[in-house]
Protein backbone atom coordinates (compact mmCIF):
# COMPACT_ATOMS: atom_id res chain seq x y z
CA MET A 1 -90.56 -15.56 -3.55
CA LYS A 2 -87.88 -17.72 -1.92
CA THR A 3 -87.47 -19.67 -5.17
CA SER A 4 -86.95 -16.52 -7.25
CA LYS A 5 -84.40 -15.25 -4.71
CA PHE A 6 -82.60 -18.60 -4.91
CA ILE A 7 -82.63 -18.53 -8.73
CA SER A 8 -81.35 -14.93 -8.91
CA SER A 9 -78.57 -15.65 -6.41
CA LYS A 10 -77.70 -18.80 -8.38
CA TRP A 11 -77.40 -16.69 -11.54
CA MET A 12 -75.23 -14.17 -9.65
CA VAL A 13 -72.86 -16.96 -8.59
CA LEU A 14 -72.79 -18.33 -12.15
CA GLY A 15 -72.13 -14.82 -13.50
CA LEU A 16 -69.27 -14.37 -11.03
CA VAL A 17 -67.77 -17.72 -12.06
CA LEU A 18 -67.99 -16.72 -15.73
CA VAL A 19 -66.37 -13.32 -15.06
CA LEU A 20 -63.59 -14.84 -12.97
CA GLY A 21 -63.23 -17.60 -15.56
CA THR A 22 -62.48 -15.05 -18.29
CA ILE A 23 -59.97 -13.21 -16.09
CA ALA A 24 -58.18 -16.26 -14.66
CA PRO A 25 -56.45 -17.53 -17.85
CA LEU A 26 -54.89 -14.11 -18.43
CA ALA A 27 -53.76 -13.96 -14.83
CA GLU A 28 -52.01 -17.33 -15.41
CA ALA A 29 -49.85 -15.83 -18.19
CA ARG A 30 -46.71 -14.02 -17.02
CA ALA A 31 -47.33 -10.30 -16.74
CA PHE A 32 -44.70 -7.85 -18.01
CA PHE A 33 -43.88 -4.46 -16.52
CA VAL A 34 -41.63 -1.86 -18.14
CA PHE A 35 -39.93 1.15 -16.55
CA GLY A 36 -37.47 3.63 -17.99
CA ASP A 37 -36.85 6.12 -20.78
CA SER A 38 -37.38 6.57 -24.55
CA LEU A 39 -35.67 3.26 -25.42
CA VAL A 40 -38.69 1.49 -23.88
CA ASP A 41 -41.48 4.13 -23.85
CA SER A 42 -44.46 2.78 -25.81
CA GLY A 43 -46.48 5.98 -25.83
CA ASN A 44 -46.95 7.42 -22.32
CA ASN A 45 -45.54 10.76 -23.44
CA ASN A 46 -48.36 11.05 -26.03
CA TYR A 47 -50.59 11.93 -23.08
CA LEU A 48 -48.24 14.58 -21.62
CA ALA A 49 -47.37 18.18 -22.45
CA THR A 50 -43.77 17.50 -23.44
CA THR A 51 -41.46 17.90 -26.42
CA ALA A 52 -40.13 14.34 -25.88
CA ARG A 53 -42.66 12.66 -28.16
CA ALA A 54 -42.66 10.25 -31.09
CA ASP A 55 -46.31 10.53 -32.10
CA ALA A 56 -45.87 11.87 -35.64
CA PRO A 57 -44.54 10.35 -38.89
CA PRO A 58 -42.10 9.01 -39.88
CA TYR A 59 -42.04 7.30 -36.45
CA GLY A 60 -43.93 4.03 -36.76
CA ILE A 61 -43.35 3.76 -40.51
CA ASP A 62 -42.73 -0.01 -40.13
CA TYR A 63 -45.05 -0.59 -37.17
CA PRO A 64 -47.87 -3.09 -38.02
CA THR A 65 -50.41 -0.24 -38.24
CA ARG A 66 -47.89 2.00 -40.13
CA ARG A 67 -48.74 4.75 -37.65
CA ALA A 68 -46.71 6.65 -35.08
CA THR A 69 -47.54 5.25 -31.64
CA GLY A 70 -45.15 7.13 -29.38
CA ARG A 71 -42.44 4.48 -29.72
CA PHE A 72 -39.04 5.96 -30.58
CA SER A 73 -38.59 3.45 -33.39
CA ASN A 74 -39.42 2.85 -37.02
CA GLY A 75 -41.34 -0.22 -35.81
CA LEU A 76 -41.30 -2.36 -32.68
CA ASN A 77 -39.28 -1.44 -29.62
CA ILE A 78 -37.50 -3.69 -27.10
CA PRO A 79 -40.55 -4.32 -24.84
CA ASP A 80 -42.66 -5.29 -27.88
CA ILE A 81 -40.11 -7.89 -28.95
CA ILE A 82 -39.58 -9.29 -25.42
CA SER A 83 -43.37 -9.53 -25.13
CA GLU A 84 -43.43 -11.60 -28.35
CA GLN A 85 -40.64 -13.83 -27.07
CA ILE A 86 -42.31 -14.62 -23.74
CA GLY A 87 -45.56 -15.52 -25.49
CA GLN A 88 -47.78 -12.62 -24.49
CA SER A 89 -50.93 -12.06 -26.54
CA GLU A 90 -50.05 -8.34 -26.79
CA PRO A 91 -47.37 -6.05 -25.36
CA PRO A 92 -48.29 -4.16 -22.19
CA LEU A 93 -50.04 -0.87 -22.91
CA PRO A 94 -48.72 2.52 -21.76
CA TYR A 95 -49.98 3.11 -18.24
CA LEU A 96 -51.56 6.42 -19.25
CA SER A 97 -53.51 4.84 -22.11
CA PRO A 98 -57.28 4.99 -21.56
CA GLU A 99 -57.42 1.50 -23.12
CA LEU A 100 -55.55 0.00 -20.14
CA THR A 101 -58.59 -1.30 -18.27
CA GLY A 102 -60.19 -4.61 -17.27
CA GLN A 103 -58.46 -7.75 -18.48
CA ARG A 104 -55.77 -5.82 -20.34
CA LEU A 105 -54.39 -4.73 -16.95
CA LEU A 106 -53.46 -8.37 -16.31
CA VAL A 107 -51.02 -8.38 -19.24
CA GLY A 108 -48.94 -5.80 -17.34
CA ALA A 109 -48.21 -2.14 -17.98
CA ASN A 110 -45.53 0.10 -19.47
CA PHE A 111 -44.66 3.04 -17.19
CA ALA A 112 -41.68 4.32 -19.23
CA SER A 113 -41.39 7.95 -20.27
CA ALA A 114 -38.96 9.43 -22.80
CA GLY A 115 -36.43 11.89 -21.42
CA ILE A 116 -36.21 10.67 -17.83
CA GLY A 117 -33.17 9.50 -15.92
CA VAL A 118 -32.29 8.01 -12.56
CA LEU A 119 -32.03 11.55 -11.17
CA ASN A 120 -35.05 13.83 -10.92
CA ASP A 121 -33.20 16.78 -12.52
CA THR A 122 -32.42 14.77 -15.68
CA GLY A 123 -34.52 15.84 -18.66
CA ILE A 124 -35.84 19.06 -17.10
CA GLN A 125 -35.79 20.59 -20.60
CA PHE A 126 -38.60 18.17 -21.57
CA LEU A 127 -40.92 19.63 -18.91
CA ASN A 128 -43.74 17.20 -18.12
CA ILE A 129 -42.33 13.64 -18.10
CA ILE A 130 -42.88 10.71 -15.73
CA ARG A 131 -39.79 10.65 -13.53
CA MET A 132 -38.67 7.36 -11.99
CA PHE A 133 -40.19 7.95 -8.55
CA ARG A 134 -43.52 8.69 -10.24
CA GLN A 135 -43.28 5.57 -12.43
CA LEU A 136 -42.99 3.57 -9.19
CA ASP A 137 -45.94 5.49 -7.70
CA TYR A 138 -47.96 4.46 -10.75
CA PHE A 139 -46.86 0.83 -10.26
CA GLU A 140 -48.29 0.99 -6.76
CA GLU A 141 -51.49 2.55 -8.10
CA TYR A 142 -51.67 -0.17 -10.78
CA GLN A 143 -51.64 -2.85 -8.08
CA HIS A 144 -54.60 -1.23 -6.31
CA ARG A 145 -56.50 -1.21 -9.60
CA VAL A 146 -55.75 -4.89 -10.25
CA SER A 147 -56.66 -5.82 -6.66
CA ALA A 148 -60.15 -4.50 -7.35
CA LEU A 149 -60.31 -6.96 -10.28
CA ILE A 150 -58.79 -10.17 -8.91
CA GLY A 151 -58.17 -9.52 -5.20
CA ALA A 152 -55.04 -8.57 -3.26
CA GLN A 153 -53.61 -12.10 -2.99
CA GLU A 154 -53.88 -12.84 -6.73
CA THR A 155 -52.44 -9.40 -7.52
CA ARG A 156 -49.43 -10.10 -5.31
CA ARG A 157 -48.96 -13.42 -7.10
CA LEU A 158 -49.26 -11.77 -10.54
CA VAL A 159 -46.65 -9.13 -9.63
CA ASN A 160 -44.26 -11.63 -7.98
CA ARG A 161 -44.39 -13.91 -11.06
CA ALA A 162 -44.07 -11.05 -13.56
CA LEU A 163 -41.09 -10.14 -15.68
CA VAL A 164 -39.85 -6.58 -15.21
CA LEU A 165 -37.63 -4.56 -17.54
CA ILE A 166 -35.97 -1.32 -16.46
CA THR A 167 -33.94 0.78 -18.90
CA VAL A 168 -32.68 4.05 -17.47
CA GLY A 169 -29.36 5.86 -16.96
CA GLY A 170 -28.21 7.04 -20.38
CA ASN A 171 -30.05 10.35 -20.08
CA ASP A 172 -28.27 11.10 -16.79
CA PHE A 173 -25.19 11.62 -18.97
CA VAL A 174 -26.55 12.74 -22.36
CA ASN A 175 -29.37 14.95 -21.04
CA ASN A 176 -27.81 16.08 -17.79
CA TYR A 177 -24.07 15.90 -17.07
CA TYR A 178 -23.03 16.50 -20.70
CA LEU A 179 -26.12 18.39 -21.85
CA VAL A 180 -24.33 21.74 -21.90
CA PRO A 181 -20.72 22.71 -21.18
CA PHE A 182 -20.25 23.40 -17.46
CA SER A 183 -23.63 21.89 -16.53
CA ALA A 184 -24.69 22.15 -12.88
CA ARG A 185 -23.94 18.46 -12.26
CA SER A 186 -20.52 18.63 -13.97
CA ARG A 187 -19.61 21.57 -11.71
CA GLN A 188 -20.86 19.67 -8.67
CA PHE A 189 -19.16 16.32 -9.44
CA ALA A 190 -16.08 15.01 -11.22
CA LEU A 191 -17.26 12.24 -13.58
CA PRO A 192 -16.19 9.26 -11.37
CA ASP A 193 -18.04 10.79 -8.39
CA TYR A 194 -21.11 11.53 -10.50
CA VAL A 195 -21.23 7.89 -11.67
CA LYS A 196 -21.09 6.73 -8.03
CA TYR A 197 -23.89 9.14 -7.14
CA VAL A 198 -26.15 7.96 -10.00
CA ILE A 199 -25.51 4.30 -9.04
CA SER A 200 -26.35 5.00 -5.37
CA GLU A 201 -29.62 6.72 -6.37
CA TYR A 202 -30.45 3.88 -8.77
CA LYS A 203 -29.99 1.37 -5.95
CA LYS A 204 -32.68 3.17 -3.93
CA LEU A 205 -35.11 2.93 -6.86
CA LEU A 206 -34.43 -0.79 -7.31
CA LYS A 207 -34.95 -1.42 -3.59
CA ARG A 208 -38.33 0.25 -3.83
CA LEU A 209 -39.17 -1.82 -6.93
CA TYR A 210 -38.38 -4.98 -4.93
CA LYS A 211 -40.48 -3.73 -2.02
CA LEU A 212 -43.38 -3.27 -4.47
CA GLY A 213 -43.19 -6.97 -5.36
CA ALA A 214 -40.85 -7.25 -8.38
CA ARG A 215 -38.92 -10.55 -8.26
CA ARG A 216 -37.49 -10.98 -11.78
CA VAL A 217 -35.99 -7.73 -13.04
CA LEU A 218 -33.92 -7.21 -16.19
CA VAL A 219 -31.72 -4.13 -15.67
CA THR A 220 -30.06 -2.81 -18.83
CA GLY A 221 -26.84 -0.88 -18.77
CA THR A 222 -26.27 2.05 -21.09
CA GLY A 223 -25.27 1.45 -24.70
CA PRO A 224 -22.05 2.96 -26.08
CA LEU A 225 -23.26 6.51 -25.39
CA GLY A 226 -20.56 8.20 -27.42
CA CYS A 227 -21.24 6.21 -30.60
CA VAL A 228 -24.85 7.16 -31.38
CA PRO A 229 -25.26 9.39 -34.46
CA ALA A 230 -26.19 12.42 -32.33
CA GLU A 231 -22.92 12.23 -30.39
CA LEU A 232 -20.87 11.53 -33.53
CA ALA A 233 -22.37 14.71 -35.02
CA MET A 234 -21.93 16.90 -31.95
CA HIS A 235 -19.01 15.52 -29.93
CA GLY A 236 -17.26 12.96 -32.15
CA THR A 237 -13.51 12.59 -31.57
CA ASN A 238 -11.56 12.58 -34.87
CA GLY A 239 -14.54 11.19 -36.77
CA GLY A 240 -15.09 8.47 -34.16
CA CYS A 241 -17.16 8.06 -31.01
CA SER A 242 -17.18 10.76 -28.34
CA ALA A 243 -14.31 9.81 -26.03
CA GLU A 244 -15.83 11.57 -23.02
CA LEU A 245 -19.22 9.84 -23.29
CA GLN A 246 -17.54 6.49 -23.91
CA ARG A 247 -15.55 7.08 -20.72
CA ALA A 248 -18.80 7.70 -18.85
CA ALA A 249 -20.32 4.43 -20.15
CA ALA A 250 -17.11 2.53 -19.33
CA LEU A 251 -17.25 3.79 -15.72
CA TYR A 252 -20.98 3.37 -15.26
CA ASN A 253 -21.74 -0.09 -16.67
CA PRO A 254 -19.31 -2.21 -14.56
CA GLN A 255 -20.40 -0.36 -11.39
CA LEU A 256 -24.05 -1.06 -12.26
CA VAL A 257 -23.30 -4.81 -12.52
CA GLN A 258 -21.50 -4.74 -9.16
CA MET A 259 -24.37 -2.87 -7.52
CA LEU A 260 -26.89 -5.46 -8.83
CA LYS A 261 -24.76 -8.33 -7.51
CA GLN A 262 -24.58 -6.61 -4.14
CA LEU A 263 -28.37 -6.06 -4.10
CA ASN A 264 -28.97 -9.74 -4.89
CA ARG A 265 -26.62 -10.71 -2.04
CA GLU A 266 -28.49 -8.41 0.37
CA ILE A 267 -31.84 -9.91 -0.69
CA GLY A 268 -30.48 -13.46 -0.65
CA LYS A 269 -31.64 -14.49 -4.13
CA THR A 270 -31.28 -13.52 -7.79
CA VAL A 271 -33.85 -10.82 -8.40
CA PHE A 272 -31.86 -8.41 -10.59
CA ILE A 273 -30.34 -9.57 -13.90
CA ALA A 274 -27.74 -7.30 -15.53
CA VAL A 275 -28.08 -6.82 -19.30
CA ASN A 276 -24.81 -5.81 -20.95
CA THR A 277 -26.35 -3.48 -23.52
CA GLN A 278 -23.00 -1.82 -24.14
CA GLN A 279 -21.48 -5.06 -25.43
CA SER A 280 -24.58 -5.95 -27.51
CA HIS A 281 -24.53 -2.50 -29.13
CA MET A 282 -20.76 -2.49 -29.65
CA ASP A 283 -21.02 -5.77 -31.57
CA PHE A 284 -22.92 -4.10 -34.41
CA VAL A 285 -21.41 -0.62 -33.95
CA SER A 286 -17.91 -2.01 -34.51
CA ASN A 287 -18.91 -4.52 -37.23
CA PRO A 288 -22.26 -3.53 -38.77
CA GLN A 289 -21.83 -5.68 -41.89
CA ALA A 290 -21.73 -8.87 -39.78
CA TYR A 291 -25.31 -8.09 -38.72
CA GLY A 292 -26.58 -7.09 -42.16
CA PHE A 293 -26.29 -3.31 -41.65
CA THR A 294 -24.59 -1.03 -44.16
CA THR A 295 -23.91 1.56 -41.42
CA SER A 296 -23.91 1.97 -37.66
CA LYS A 297 -22.87 5.62 -37.83
CA VAL A 298 -25.54 7.30 -39.94
CA ALA A 299 -29.12 7.40 -38.63
CA CYS A 300 -31.89 6.46 -41.03
CA CYS A 301 -33.91 9.56 -40.10
CA GLY A 302 -32.41 12.94 -39.28
CA GLN A 303 -30.35 15.74 -40.77
CA GLY A 304 -26.83 17.14 -40.68
CA PRO A 305 -23.67 15.06 -40.21
CA TYR A 306 -24.54 11.37 -39.70
CA ASN A 307 -28.22 12.47 -39.78
CA GLY A 308 -27.44 13.13 -36.13
CA LEU A 309 -28.75 16.65 -35.58
CA GLY A 310 -32.21 17.69 -34.43
CA LEU A 311 -35.34 15.57 -34.40
CA CYS A 312 -36.64 12.97 -36.82
CA THR A 313 -39.58 14.69 -38.55
CA GLY A 314 -41.52 14.65 -41.80
CA VAL A 315 -38.93 16.95 -43.41
CA SER A 316 -35.86 14.93 -42.29
CA ASN A 317 -33.73 12.76 -44.53
CA LEU A 318 -35.31 9.30 -44.49
CA CYS A 319 -33.64 6.09 -45.70
CA PRO A 320 -35.70 3.78 -47.92
CA ASN A 321 -34.63 0.54 -46.16
CA ARG A 322 -34.58 0.73 -42.37
CA ASP A 323 -33.13 -2.79 -42.03
CA LEU A 324 -29.79 -1.56 -43.37
CA TYR A 325 -29.37 0.96 -40.53
CA ALA A 326 -28.41 0.14 -36.93
CA PHE A 327 -29.86 3.49 -35.81
CA TRP A 328 -33.32 4.70 -36.69
CA ASP A 329 -32.90 8.29 -35.44
CA PRO A 330 -30.02 10.22 -33.81
CA PHE A 331 -30.36 8.30 -30.51
CA HIS A 332 -32.49 5.16 -30.96
CA PRO A 333 -31.83 1.77 -32.58
CA SER A 334 -33.88 0.54 -35.53
CA GLU A 335 -36.35 -2.32 -35.05
CA LYS A 336 -33.82 -4.71 -36.60
CA ALA A 337 -31.18 -3.61 -34.07
CA ASN A 338 -33.73 -3.98 -31.26
CA ARG A 339 -34.32 -7.57 -32.38
CA ILE A 340 -30.58 -8.29 -32.13
CA LEU A 341 -30.49 -6.77 -28.63
CA VAL A 342 -33.47 -8.88 -27.50
CA GLN A 343 -31.88 -12.03 -28.96
CA GLN A 344 -28.91 -11.47 -26.64
CA ILE A 345 -31.30 -10.94 -23.71
CA MET A 346 -33.01 -14.25 -24.56
CA THR A 347 -30.03 -16.49 -25.28
CA GLY A 348 -26.83 -14.49 -24.68
CA SER A 349 -23.87 -15.87 -22.75
CA THR A 350 -22.68 -14.44 -19.43
CA ASN A 351 -20.74 -11.86 -21.47
CA TYR A 352 -24.15 -10.31 -22.15
CA MET A 353 -26.35 -11.47 -19.26
CA THR A 354 -25.31 -11.69 -15.59
CA PRO A 355 -25.91 -14.16 -14.03
CA MET A 356 -28.22 -15.75 -16.67
CA ASN A 357 -30.23 -15.05 -19.80
CA LEU A 358 -34.00 -14.75 -20.08
CA SER A 359 -34.48 -18.25 -21.58
CA THR A 360 -32.82 -19.71 -18.46
CA ILE A 361 -35.05 -17.59 -16.21
CA MET A 362 -38.16 -18.78 -18.07
CA ALA A 363 -37.05 -22.43 -17.71
CA LEU A 364 -36.35 -21.97 -13.97
CA ASP A 365 -39.66 -20.24 -13.28
């Protein structure tokens, strides 16, 4: 009897070693966490009752499976490409995906949700979306789930060593302040005061992210908000970018960089890295031919002037070669443009990355 007990307990120990052995190598790889809006949403909104979805063709037309996944892209989005660059076996799954279980949790998770902003009242027209405070709640919940797999100490280590990407802020202008003439926020704040308010609220979110264990965080600024096809179609100034939205981006982005520097000083180390998305975008918006695009004004998929009106659907105009277009739909870059943006994140100078690029971070860590 004693012998059989000894043998069974020996097998239990061996089984535990085998289980932990299969989990450990994945835990050694750098996890990747993503927060933000439609520029980085990989499909969370597929599981929500919202109009902010990209789960039908022609979205995903160039994705490896040729199917719409919920990414607001013809193919891969920015997190997918960063994931490739940092050597992950697969990009982190949407947090709401039922497939995000077991070992796949150790790759990381994508909490992003199309339509959201820094402020909770941004994107209210999209109804049920995962606002920033809730994305951070889910991050906390994620850590409890992983603790059950590998223990609290290993989970803390995984989160501390992870790379984090947060892309949010554009919707606070496009889908809030400038959503309609005389919006509630535009009546409450003059633009410079609104920018300060958004930055102060963003700082609170980033402090909470740090408190939850994030130690290497890429924070993207907004792109040139007034130059996307949707804004050219609706608010373009003399056939060019929307002057008012460009003013918003010009006020917001430098203040974001200053706030991140201040946060790093308060913490006493470089946690937050500013990504100058506006400059990266402006490079190909102002000179598309230099990057192999025929246009940076007309979206590949859409309708109306610049293909900038309405949604990208099965009945929209659709270009035959997505690589010739900087913009896939009225608001979102094409996969090729996303690859250019990620290249600047990886190797860009301090004009693009403050205080350092992702390759430098990877070498330091």
